[in-house]
PDB file of N, CA and C in Angstrom:
ATOM      1  N   MET A   1      86.621 113.493 110.621  1.00  0.00           N
ATOM      2  CA  MET A   1      86.390 112.098 110.822  1.00  0.00           C
ATOM      3  C   MET A   1      86.093 111.412 109.524  1.00  0.00           C
ATOM      4  N   ASN A   2      86.631 110.339 109.254  1.00  0.00           N
ATOM      5  CA  ASN A   2      86.403 109.558 108.012  1.00  0.00           C
ATOM      6  C   ASN A   2      85.576 108.343 108.343  1.00  0.00           C
ATOM      7  N   ASN A   3      84.341 108.379 108.069  1.00  0.00           N
ATOM      8  CA  ASN A   3      83.437 107.165 108.389  1.00  0.00           C
ATOM      9  C   ASN A   3      83.914 105.894 107.735  1.00  0.00           C
ATOM     10  N   ASP A   4      84.477 105.999 106.553  1.00  0.00           N
ATOM     11  CA  ASP A   4      84.979 104.817 105.884  1.00  0.00           C
ATOM     12  C   ASP A   4      86.147 104.161 106.701  1.00  0.00           C
ATOM     13  N   ARG A   5      87.041 105.088 107.181  1.00  0.00           N
ATOM     14  CA  ARG A   5      88.128 104.676 107.960  1.00  0.00           C
ATOM     15  C   ARG A   5      87.659 103.958 109.309  1.00  0.00           C
ATOM     16  N   LEU A   6      86.694 104.601 109.931  1.00  0.00           N
ATOM     17  CA  LEU A   6      86.161 104.131 111.178  1.00  0.00           C
ATOM     18  C   LEU A   6      85.542 102.763 110.929  1.00  0.00           C
ATOM     19  N   SER A   7      84.789 102.586 109.877  1.00  0.00           N
ATOM     20  CA  SER A   7      84.182 101.289 109.552  1.00  0.00           C
ATOM     21  C   SER A   7      85.285 100.214 109.369  1.00  0.00           C
ATOM     22  N   MET A   8      86.298 100.617 108.593  1.00  0.00           N
ATOM     23  CA  MET A   8      87.390  99.707 108.317  1.00  0.00           C
ATOM     24  C   MET A   8      88.087  99.277 109.556  1.00  0.00           C
ATOM     25  N   LEU A   9      88.348 100.196 110.516  1.00  0.00           N
ATOM     26  CA  LEU A   9      89.103  99.938 111.733  1.00  0.00           C
ATOM     27  C   LEU A   9      88.196  98.977 112.626  1.00  0.00           C
ATOM     28  N   GLU A  10      86.858  99.306 112.692  1.00  0.00           N
ATOM     29  CA  GLU A  10      85.946  98.494 113.463  1.00  0.00           C
ATOM     30  C   GLU A  10      85.881  97.063 112.877  1.00  0.00           C
ATOM     31  N   SER A  11      85.970  96.955 111.609  1.00  0.00           N
ATOM     32  CA  SER A  11      85.977  95.589 111.006  1.00  0.00           C
ATOM     33  C   SER A  11      87.238  94.839 111.263  1.00  0.00           C
ATOM     34  N   TYR A  12      88.360  95.588 111.426  1.00  0.00           N
ATOM     35  CA  TYR A  12      89.610  94.907 111.844  1.00  0.00           C
ATOM     36  C   TYR A  12      89.500  94.444 113.214  1.00  0.00           C
ATOM     37  N   ILE A  13      88.934  95.178 114.126  1.00  0.00           N
ATOM     38  CA  ILE A  13      88.732  94.711 115.516  1.00  0.00           C
ATOM     39  C   ILE A  13      87.902  93.571 115.567  1.00  0.00           C
ATOM     40  N   GLU A  14      86.797  93.466 114.758  1.00  0.00           N
ATOM     41  CA  GLU A  14      85.965  92.293 114.753  1.00  0.00           C
ATOM     42  C   GLU A  14      86.716  91.108 114.311  1.00  0.00           C
ATOM     43  N   SER A  15      87.543  91.221 113.248  1.00  0.00           N
ATOM     44  CA  SER A  15      88.247  90.080 112.733  1.00  0.00           C
ATOM     45  C   SER A  15      89.493  89.718 113.549  1.00  0.00           C
ATOM     46  N   ASP A  16      90.053  90.661 114.215  1.00  0.00           N
ATOM     47  CA  ASP A  16      91.207  90.375 115.028  1.00  0.00           C
ATOM     48  C   ASP A  16      91.254  91.250 116.325  1.00  0.00           C
ATOM     49  N   PRO A  17      90.401  90.922 117.276  1.00  0.00           N
ATOM     50  CA  PRO A  17      90.352  91.721 118.515  1.00  0.00           C
ATOM     51  C   PRO A  17      91.589  91.587 119.369  1.00  0.00           C
ATOM     52  N   ASP A  18      92.465  90.628 119.056  1.00  0.00           N
ATOM     53  CA  ASP A  18      93.715  90.574 119.898  1.00  0.00           C
ATOM     54  C   ASP A  18      94.882  91.282 119.412  1.00  0.00           C
ATOM     55  N   ASP A  19      94.662  92.098 118.343  1.00  0.00           N
ATOM     56  CA  ASP A  19      95.706  92.934 117.887  1.00  0.00           C
ATOM     57  C   ASP A  19      95.534  94.385 118.481  1.00  0.00           C
ATOM     58  N   PRO A  20      96.467  94.798 119.369  1.00  0.00           N
ATOM     59  CA  PRO A  20      96.266  96.043 120.076  1.00  0.00           C
ATOM     60  C   PRO A  20      96.352  97.290 119.120  1.00  0.00           C
ATOM     61  N   PHE A  21      97.042  97.090 117.974  1.00  0.00           N
ATOM     62  CA  PHE A  21      97.149  98.250 117.101  1.00  0.00           C
ATOM     63  C   PHE A  21      95.746  98.700 116.539  1.00  0.00           C
ATOM     64  N   ASN A  22      94.923  97.695 116.262  1.00  0.00           N
ATOM     65  CA  ASN A  22      93.569  97.980 115.791  1.00  0.00           C
ATOM     66  C   ASN A  22      92.770  98.912 116.790  1.00  0.00           C
ATOM     67  N   TRP A  23      92.917  98.578 118.113  1.00  0.00           N
ATOM     68  CA  TRP A  23      92.256  99.374 119.112  1.00  0.00           C
ATOM     69  C   TRP A  23      92.915 100.719 119.164  1.00  0.00           C
ATOM     70  N   TYR A  24      94.196 100.801 119.113  1.00  0.00           N
ATOM     71  CA  TYR A  24      94.999 102.011 119.180  1.00  0.00           C
ATOM     72  C   TYR A  24      94.596 102.979 117.990  1.00  0.00           C
ATOM     73  N   ALA A  25      94.539 102.371 116.846  1.00  0.00           N
ATOM     74  CA  ALA A  25      94.207 103.216 115.702  1.00  0.00           C
ATOM     75  C   ALA A  25      92.730 103.764 115.778  1.00  0.00           C
ATOM     76  N   LEU A  26      91.833 102.970 116.323  1.00  0.00           N
ATOM     77  CA  LEU A  26      90.501 103.484 116.455  1.00  0.00           C
ATOM     78  C   LEU A  26      90.401 104.596 117.558  1.00  0.00           C
ATOM     79  N   GLY A  27      91.143 104.389 118.650  1.00  0.00           N
ATOM     80  CA  GLY A  27      91.177 105.428 119.633  1.00  0.00           C
ATOM     81  C   GLY A  27      91.776 106.734 119.115  1.00  0.00           C
ATOM     82  N   MET A  28      92.832 106.613 118.287  1.00  0.00           N
ATOM     83  CA  MET A  28      93.378 107.785 117.660  1.00  0.00           C
ATOM     84  C   MET A  28      92.458 108.480 116.682  1.00  0.00           C
ATOM     85  N   GLU A  29      91.673 107.729 116.003  1.00  0.00           N
ATOM     86  CA  GLU A  29      90.655 108.232 115.066  1.00  0.00           C
ATOM     87  C   GLU A  29      89.652 109.140 115.770  1.00  0.00           C
ATOM     88  N   TYR A  30      89.202 108.597 116.889  1.00  0.00           N
ATOM     89  CA  TYR A  30      88.206 109.379 117.709  1.00  0.00           C
ATOM     90  C   TYR A  30      88.785 110.492 118.549  1.00  0.00           C
ATOM     91  N   LYS A  31      90.069 110.533 118.764  1.00  0.00           N
ATOM     92  CA  LYS A  31      90.641 111.500 119.672  1.00  0.00           C
ATOM     93  C   LYS A  31      90.312 112.911 119.382  1.00  0.00           C
ATOM     94  N   PRO A  32      90.318 113.360 118.180  1.00  0.00           N
ATOM     95  CA  PRO A  32      90.001 114.784 117.900  1.00  0.00           C
ATOM     96  C   PRO A  32      88.542 115.095 117.889  1.00  0.00           C
ATOM     97  N   ILE A  33      87.650 114.125 117.937  1.00  0.00           N
ATOM     98  CA  ILE A  33      86.239 114.432 117.837  1.00  0.00           C
ATOM     99  C   ILE A  33      85.379 113.945 119.054  1.00  0.00           C
ATOM    100  N   ASP A  34      85.874 112.942 119.753  1.00  0.00           N
ATOM    101  CA  ASP A  34      85.121 112.438 120.859  1.00  0.00           C
ATOM    102  C   ASP A  34      86.102 111.900 121.879  1.00  0.00           C
ATOM    103  N   VAL A  35      86.472 112.789 122.919  1.00  0.00           N
ATOM    104  CA  VAL A  35      87.442 112.430 123.882  1.00  0.00           C
ATOM    105  C   VAL A  35      87.011 111.247 124.718  1.00  0.00           C
ATOM    106  N   GLN A  36      85.790 111.195 125.170  1.00  0.00           N
ATOM    107  CA  GLN A  36      85.315 110.068 126.012  1.00  0.00           C
ATOM    108  C   GLN A  36      85.390 108.776 125.240  1.00  0.00           C
ATOM    109  N   LYS A  37      84.960 108.722 124.052  1.00  0.00           N
ATOM    110  CA  LYS A  37      84.979 107.514 123.258  1.00  0.00           C
ATOM    111  C   LYS A  37      86.382 107.034 123.053  1.00  0.00           C
ATOM    112  N   SER A  38      87.203 108.040 122.669  1.00  0.00           N
ATOM    113  CA  SER A  38      88.652 107.702 122.478  1.00  0.00           C
ATOM    114  C   SER A  38      89.298 107.097 123.709  1.00  0.00           C
ATOM    115  N   LEU A  39      89.050 107.839 124.788  1.00  0.00           N
ATOM    116  CA  LEU A  39      89.497 107.348 126.077  1.00  0.00           C
ATOM    117  C   LEU A  39      89.096 105.930 126.509  1.00  0.00           C
ATOM    118  N   GLY A  40      87.819 105.543 126.112  1.00  0.00           N
ATOM    119  CA  GLY A  40      87.353 104.254 126.349  1.00  0.00           C
ATOM    120  C   GLY A  40      88.262 103.197 125.557  1.00  0.00           C
ATOM    121  N   TYR A  41      88.691 103.474 124.402  1.00  0.00           N
ATOM    122  CA  TYR A  41      89.484 102.587 123.671  1.00  0.00           C
ATOM    123  C   TYR A  41      90.835 102.442 124.270  1.00  0.00           C
ATOM    124  N   PHE A  42      91.376 103.593 124.789  1.00  0.00           N
ATOM    125  CA  PHE A  42      92.721 103.565 125.401  1.00  0.00           C
ATOM    126  C   PHE A  42      92.659 102.909 126.819  1.00  0.00           C
ATOM    127  N   ILE A  43      91.555 103.007 127.481  1.00  0.00           N
ATOM    128  CA  ILE A  43      91.409 102.301 128.768  1.00  0.00           C
ATOM    129  C   ILE A  43      91.347 100.801 128.439  1.00  0.00           C
ATOM    130  N   HIS A  44      90.597 100.391 127.412  1.00  0.00           N
ATOM    131  CA  HIS A  44      90.558  99.051 127.026  1.00  0.00           C
ATOM    132  C   HIS A  44      91.919  98.523 126.751  1.00  0.00           C
ATOM    133  N   LEU A  45      92.817  99.274 126.020  1.00  0.00           N
ATOM    134  CA  LEU A  45      94.155  98.884 125.777  1.00  0.00           C
ATOM    135  C   LEU A  45      94.942  98.722 127.041  1.00  0.00           C
ATOM    136  N   LEU A  46      94.772  99.664 127.884  1.00  0.00           N
ATOM    137  CA  LEU A  46      95.538  99.556 129.255  1.00  0.00           C
ATOM    138  C   LEU A  46      95.203  98.269 130.022  1.00  0.00           C
ATOM    139  N   GLU A  47      93.965  97.906 129.966  1.00  0.00           N
ATOM    140  CA  GLU A  47      93.483  96.749 130.648  1.00  0.00           C
ATOM    141  C   GLU A  47      93.772  95.427 129.942  1.00  0.00           C
ATOM    142  N   LYS A  48      93.616  95.403 128.622  1.00  0.00           N
ATOM    143  CA  LYS A  48      93.788  94.146 127.926  1.00  0.00           C
ATOM    144  C   LYS A  48      95.176  93.973 127.340  1.00  0.00           C
ATOM    145  N   PHE A  49      95.878  95.041 127.097  1.00  0.00           N
ATOM    146  CA  PHE A  49      97.204  94.917 126.468  1.00  0.00           C
ATOM    147  C   PHE A  49      98.173  95.897 127.189  1.00  0.00           C
ATOM    148  N   PRO A  50      98.415  95.617 128.425  1.00  0.00           N
ATOM    149  CA  PRO A  50      99.223  96.522 129.226  1.00  0.00           C
ATOM    150  C   PRO A  50     100.694  96.693 128.776  1.00  0.00           C
ATOM    151  N   GLU A  51     101.162  95.826 127.930  1.00  0.00           N
ATOM    152  CA  GLU A  51     102.519  95.837 127.401  1.00  0.00           C
ATOM    153  C   GLU A  51     102.626  96.776 126.133  1.00  0.00           C
ATOM    154  N   TYR A  52     101.435  97.249 125.671  1.00  0.00           N
ATOM    155  CA  TYR A  52     101.430  98.066 124.475  1.00  0.00           C
ATOM    156  C   TYR A  52     101.771  99.555 124.820  1.00  0.00           C
ATOM    157  N   LEU A  53     103.028  99.818 124.766  1.00  0.00           N
ATOM    158  CA  LEU A  53     103.595 101.074 125.353  1.00  0.00           C
ATOM    159  C   LEU A  53     102.992 102.341 124.768  1.00  0.00           C
ATOM    160  N   ALA A  54     102.635 102.390 123.512  1.00  0.00           N
ATOM    161  CA  ALA A  54     102.182 103.592 122.899  1.00  0.00           C
ATOM    162  C   ALA A  54     100.864 104.081 123.526  1.00  0.00           C
ATOM    163  N   THR A  55     100.160 103.164 124.214  1.00  0.00           N
ATOM    164  CA  THR A  55      98.905 103.556 124.830  1.00  0.00           C
ATOM    165  C   THR A  55      99.051 104.630 125.927  1.00  0.00           C
ATOM    166  N   TYR A  56     100.125 104.543 126.694  1.00  0.00           N
ATOM    167  CA  TYR A  56     100.220 105.352 127.919  1.00  0.00           C
ATOM    168  C   TYR A  56     100.285 106.852 127.723  1.00  0.00           C
ATOM    169  N   TYR A  57     100.966 107.271 126.726  1.00  0.00           N
ATOM    170  CA  TYR A  57     101.067 108.755 126.439  1.00  0.00           C
ATOM    171  C   TYR A  57      99.639 109.263 126.021  1.00  0.00           C
ATOM    172  N   GLN A  58      99.008 108.533 125.112  1.00  0.00           N
ATOM    173  CA  GLN A  58      97.770 108.948 124.544  1.00  0.00           C
ATOM    174  C   GLN A  58      96.671 108.963 125.606  1.00  0.00           C
ATOM    175  N   ALA A  59      96.644 107.868 126.434  1.00  0.00           N
ATOM    176  CA  ALA A  59      95.695 107.748 127.576  1.00  0.00           C
ATOM    177  C   ALA A  59      95.898 109.011 128.560  1.00  0.00           C
ATOM    178  N   ALA A  60      97.101 109.186 128.926  1.00  0.00           N
ATOM    179  CA  ALA A  60      97.365 110.282 129.862  1.00  0.00           C
ATOM    180  C   ALA A  60      96.971 111.634 129.240  1.00  0.00           C
ATOM    181  N   GLU A  61      97.202 111.839 127.981  1.00  0.00           N
ATOM    182  CA  GLU A  61      96.741 113.099 127.345  1.00  0.00           C
ATOM    183  C   GLU A  61      95.256 113.313 127.423  1.00  0.00           C
ATOM    184  N   LEU A  62      94.552 112.132 127.145  1.00  0.00           N
ATOM    185  CA  LEU A  62      93.069 112.192 127.155  1.00  0.00           C
ATOM    186  C   LEU A  62      92.627 112.446 128.571  1.00  0.00           C
ATOM    187  N   LEU A  63      93.209 111.779 129.498  1.00  0.00           N
ATOM    188  CA  LEU A  63      92.818 112.057 130.961  1.00  0.00           C
ATOM    189  C   LEU A  63      93.058 113.499 131.403  1.00  0.00           C
ATOM    190  N   LEU A  64      94.118 114.066 130.917  1.00  0.00           N
ATOM    191  CA  LEU A  64      94.307 115.504 131.116  1.00  0.00           C
ATOM    192  C   LEU A  64      93.254 116.411 130.520  1.00  0.00           C
ATOM    193  N   ALA A  65      92.821 115.981 129.343  1.00  0.00           N
ATOM    194  CA  ALA A  65      91.803 116.712 128.597  1.00  0.00           C
ATOM    195  C   ALA A  65      90.454 116.754 129.424  1.00  0.00           C
ATOM    196  N   ILE A  66      90.188 115.732 130.228  1.00  0.00           N
ATOM    197  CA  ILE A  66      88.966 115.711 131.015  1.00  0.00           C
ATOM    198  C   ILE A  66      89.257 116.060 132.508  1.00  0.00           C
ATOM    199  N   ASN A  67      90.454 116.595 132.744  1.00  0.00           N
ATOM    200  CA  ASN A  67      90.884 117.131 134.062  1.00  0.00           C
ATOM    201  C   ASN A  67      90.991 115.980 135.066  1.00  0.00           C
ATOM    202  N   GLU A  68      91.479 114.839 134.660  1.00  0.00           N
ATOM    203  CA  GLU A  68      91.709 113.699 135.604  1.00  0.00           C
ATOM    204  C   GLU A  68      93.247 113.643 135.788  1.00  0.00           C
ATOM    205  N   LYS A  69      93.819 114.626 136.447  1.00  0.00           N
ATOM    206  CA  LYS A  69      95.270 114.779 136.608  1.00  0.00           C
ATOM    207  C   LYS A  69      95.827 113.667 137.353  1.00  0.00           C
ATOM    208  N   ASP A  70      95.301 113.221 138.406  1.00  0.00           N
ATOM    209  CA  ASP A  70      95.785 112.085 139.218  1.00  0.00           C
ATOM    210  C   ASP A  70      95.940 110.828 138.404  1.00  0.00           C
ATOM    211  N   LYS A  71      94.906 110.525 137.580  1.00  0.00           N
ATOM    212  CA  LYS A  71      94.922 109.297 136.811  1.00  0.00           C
ATOM    213  C   LYS A  71      95.859 109.476 135.653  1.00  0.00           C
ATOM    214  N   ALA A  72      95.986 110.653 135.153  1.00  0.00           N
ATOM    215  CA  ALA A  72      97.033 110.883 134.096  1.00  0.00           C
ATOM    216  C   ALA A  72      98.421 110.659 134.633  1.00  0.00           C
ATOM    217  N   GLU A  73      98.631 111.247 135.823  1.00  0.00           N
ATOM    218  CA  GLU A  73      99.924 110.987 136.509  1.00  0.00           C
ATOM    219  C   GLU A  73     100.263 109.559 136.701  1.00  0.00           C
ATOM    220  N   GLU A  74      99.282 108.768 137.207  1.00  0.00           N
ATOM    221  CA  GLU A  74      99.470 107.364 137.411  1.00  0.00           C
ATOM    222  C   GLU A  74      99.759 106.640 136.143  1.00  0.00           C
ATOM    223  N   THR A  75      99.068 107.046 135.084  1.00  0.00           N
ATOM    224  CA  THR A  75      99.285 106.364 133.766  1.00  0.00           C
ATOM    225  C   THR A  75     100.600 106.715 133.237  1.00  0.00           C
ATOM    226  N   LEU A  76     101.053 107.919 133.339  1.00  0.00           N
ATOM    227  CA  LEU A  76     102.425 108.288 132.865  1.00  0.00           C
ATOM    228  C   LEU A  76     103.527 107.518 133.674  1.00  0.00           C
ATOM    229  N   LYS A  77     103.314 107.438 134.937  1.00  0.00           N
ATOM    230  CA  LYS A  77     104.297 106.656 135.737  1.00  0.00           C
ATOM    231  C   LYS A  77     104.336 105.214 135.397  1.00  0.00           C
ATOM    232  N   ALA A  78     103.146 104.642 135.113  1.00  0.00           N
ATOM    233  CA  ALA A  78     103.129 103.217 134.711  1.00  0.00           C
ATOM    234  C   ALA A  78     103.813 103.028 133.359  1.00  0.00           C
ATOM    235  N   GLY A  79     103.586 104.046 132.460  1.00  0.00           N
ATOM    236  CA  GLY A  79     104.237 103.974 131.162  1.00  0.00           C
ATOM    237  C   GLY A  79     105.746 104.123 131.225  1.00  0.00           C
ATOM    238  N   ILE A  80     106.188 104.924 132.128  1.00  0.00           N
ATOM    239  CA  ILE A  80     107.623 105.163 132.331  1.00  0.00           C
ATOM    240  C   ILE A  80     108.280 103.881 132.835  1.00  0.00           C
ATOM    241  N   LEU A  81     107.622 103.172 133.755  1.00  0.00           N
ATOM    242  CA  LEU A  81     108.136 101.925 134.268  1.00  0.00           C
ATOM    243  C   LEU A  81     108.261 100.905 133.094  1.00  0.00           C
ATOM    244  N   LEU A  82     107.169 100.908 132.272  1.00  0.00           N
ATOM    245  CA  LEU A  82     107.112  99.885 131.097  1.00  0.00           C
ATOM    246  C   LEU A  82     108.192 100.285 130.148  1.00  0.00           C
ATOM    247  N   ALA A  83     108.403 101.558 129.813  1.00  0.00           N
ATOM    248  CA  ALA A  83     109.382 101.970 128.846  1.00  0.00           C
ATOM    249  C   ALA A  83     110.759 101.631 129.324  1.00  0.00           C
ATOM    250  N   GLN A  84     111.041 101.731 130.604  1.00  0.00           N
ATOM    251  CA  GLN A  84     112.337 101.320 131.192  1.00  0.00           C
ATOM    252  C   GLN A  84     112.478  99.842 131.042  1.00  0.00           C
ATOM    253  N   LYS A  85     111.414  99.127 131.336  1.00  0.00           N
ATOM    254  CA  LYS A  85     111.537  97.612 131.211  1.00  0.00           C
ATOM    255  C   LYS A  85     111.768  97.183 129.869  1.00  0.00           C
ATOM    256  N   GLN A  86     111.113  97.905 128.831  1.00  0.00           N
ATOM    257  CA  GLN A  86     111.273  97.535 127.471  1.00  0.00           C
ATOM    258  C   GLN A  86     112.544  98.151 126.769  1.00  0.00           C
ATOM    259  N   GLY A  87     113.132  99.027 127.499  1.00  0.00           N
ATOM    260  CA  GLY A  87     114.417  99.588 126.934  1.00  0.00           C
ATOM    261  C   GLY A  87     114.068 100.608 125.881  1.00  0.00           C
ATOM    262  N   ASN A  88     112.980 101.266 125.860  1.00  0.00           N
ATOM    263  CA  ASN A  88     112.503 102.147 124.853  1.00  0.00           C
ATOM    264  C   ASN A  88     112.809 103.634 125.262  1.00  0.00           C
ATOM    265  N   SER A  89     114.004 104.135 124.967  1.00  0.00           N
ATOM    266  CA  SER A  89     114.362 105.380 125.436  1.00  0.00           C
ATOM    267  C   SER A  89     113.628 106.558 124.830  1.00  0.00           C
ATOM    268  N   ASN A  90     113.233 106.483 123.564  1.00  0.00           N
ATOM    269  CA  ASN A  90     112.454 107.566 123.049  1.00  0.00           C
ATOM    270  C   ASN A  90     111.151 107.740 123.687  1.00  0.00           C
ATOM    271  N   THR A  91     110.332 106.677 123.873  1.00  0.00           N
ATOM    272  CA  THR A  91     109.051 106.757 124.567  1.00  0.00           C
ATOM    273  C   THR A  91     109.253 107.156 125.998  1.00  0.00           C
ATOM    274  N   LEU A  92     110.349 106.614 126.629  1.00  0.00           N
ATOM    275  CA  LEU A  92     110.591 106.984 128.013  1.00  0.00           C
ATOM    276  C   LEU A  92     110.799 108.476 128.161  1.00  0.00           C
ATOM    277  N   ARG A  93     111.569 109.050 127.249  1.00  0.00           N
ATOM    278  CA  ARG A  93     111.797 110.519 127.279  1.00  0.00           C
ATOM    279  C   ARG A  93     110.405 111.325 127.163  1.00  0.00           C
ATOM    280  N   GLU A  94     109.635 110.843 126.160  1.00  0.00           N
ATOM    281  CA  GLU A  94     108.325 111.552 125.960  1.00  0.00           C
ATOM    282  C   GLU A  94     107.370 111.482 127.173  1.00  0.00           C
ATOM    283  N   LEU A  95     107.372 110.284 127.811  1.00  0.00           N
ATOM    284  CA  LEU A  95     106.561 110.111 129.010  1.00  0.00           C
ATOM    285  C   LEU A  95     107.047 110.921 130.142  1.00  0.00           C
ATOM    286  N   GLN A  96     108.395 110.946 130.362  1.00  0.00           N
ATOM    287  CA  GLN A  96     108.939 111.730 131.382  1.00  0.00           C
ATOM    288  C   GLN A  96     108.750 113.271 131.217  1.00  0.00           C
ATOM    289  N   ASN A  97     108.897 113.722 129.974  1.00  0.00           N
ATOM    290  CA  ASN A  97     108.558 115.119 129.675  1.00  0.00           C
ATOM    291  C   ASN A  97     107.165 115.447 130.004  1.00  0.00           C
ATOM    292  N   GLU A  98     106.253 114.621 129.622  1.00  0.00           N
ATOM    293  CA  GLU A  98     104.814 114.867 129.854  1.00  0.00           C
ATOM    294  C   GLU A  98     104.538 114.854 131.387  1.00  0.00           C
ATOM    295  N   LEU A  99     105.134 113.954 132.103  1.00  0.00           N
ATOM    296  CA  LEU A  99     104.959 113.981 133.575  1.00  0.00           C
ATOM    297  C   LEU A  99     105.555 115.177 134.179  1.00  0.00           C
ATOM    298  N   ASN A 100     106.752 115.587 133.705  1.00  0.00           N
ATOM    299  CA  ASN A 100     107.321 116.805 134.256  1.00  0.00           C
ATOM    300  C   ASN A 100     106.432 118.011 133.994  1.00  0.00           C
ATOM    301  N   ASN A 101     105.903 118.095 132.792  1.00  0.00           N
ATOM    302  CA  ASN A 101     104.991 119.197 132.423  1.00  0.00           C
ATOM    303  C   ASN A 101     103.794 119.194 133.404  1.00  0.00           C
ATOM    304  N   LEU A 102     103.242 118.031 133.573  1.00  0.00           N
ATOM    305  CA  LEU A 102     102.104 117.918 134.490  1.00  0.00           C
ATOM    306  C   LEU A 102     102.334 118.288 135.929  1.00  0.00           C
ATOM    307  N   LEU A 103     103.504 117.895 136.447  1.00  0.00           N
ATOM    308  CA  LEU A 103     103.893 118.207 137.800  1.00  0.00           C
ATOM    309  C   LEU A 103     104.260 119.645 137.884  1.00  0.00           C
ATOM    310  N   PHE A 104     104.859 120.255 136.862  1.00  0.00           N
ATOM    311  CA  PHE A 104     105.220 121.662 136.896  1.00  0.00           C
ATOM    312  C   PHE A 104     103.974 122.510 136.861  1.00  0.00           C
ATOM    313  N   ASP A 105     102.984 122.115 136.062  1.00  0.00           N
ATOM    314  CA  ASP A 105     101.738 122.828 135.943  1.00  0.00           C
ATOM    315  C   ASP A 105     100.939 122.815 137.331  1.00  0.00           C
ATOM    316  N   ASP A 106     101.174 121.820 138.117  1.00  0.00           N
ATOM    317  CA  ASP A 106     100.448 121.760 139.444  1.00  0.00           C
ATOM    318  C   ASP A 106     101.067 122.644 140.473  1.00  0.00           C
ATOM    319  N   GLU A 107     102.300 123.199 140.284  1.00  0.00           N
ATOM    320  CA  GLU A 107     102.962 123.986 141.198  1.00  0.00           C
ATOM    321  C   GLU A 107     102.492 125.447 141.223  1.00  0.00           C
TER     322      GLU A 107
END
């Protein structure tokens, strides 16, 4: 973890809280060191910026890390619908693969 980078990202959020990328970047920075804190940022993104597609994969991955499989599945399905709506085939494929892996692991 780079404290300077965290401080910089937090200052970006203070100056521009309506830019979802700032929240996403901070969530990604915390992901390897604090799953709960990282997940908090991604949940914020899902609530405040539901059209920010990149959030769905990361949020689902974090939910799986804390064994919230049902919530992860819901998140992936919502992301798949959004990717279809936005016509983003690459992200759609990633989300579908992650959902398939989740469902396969449950069998």
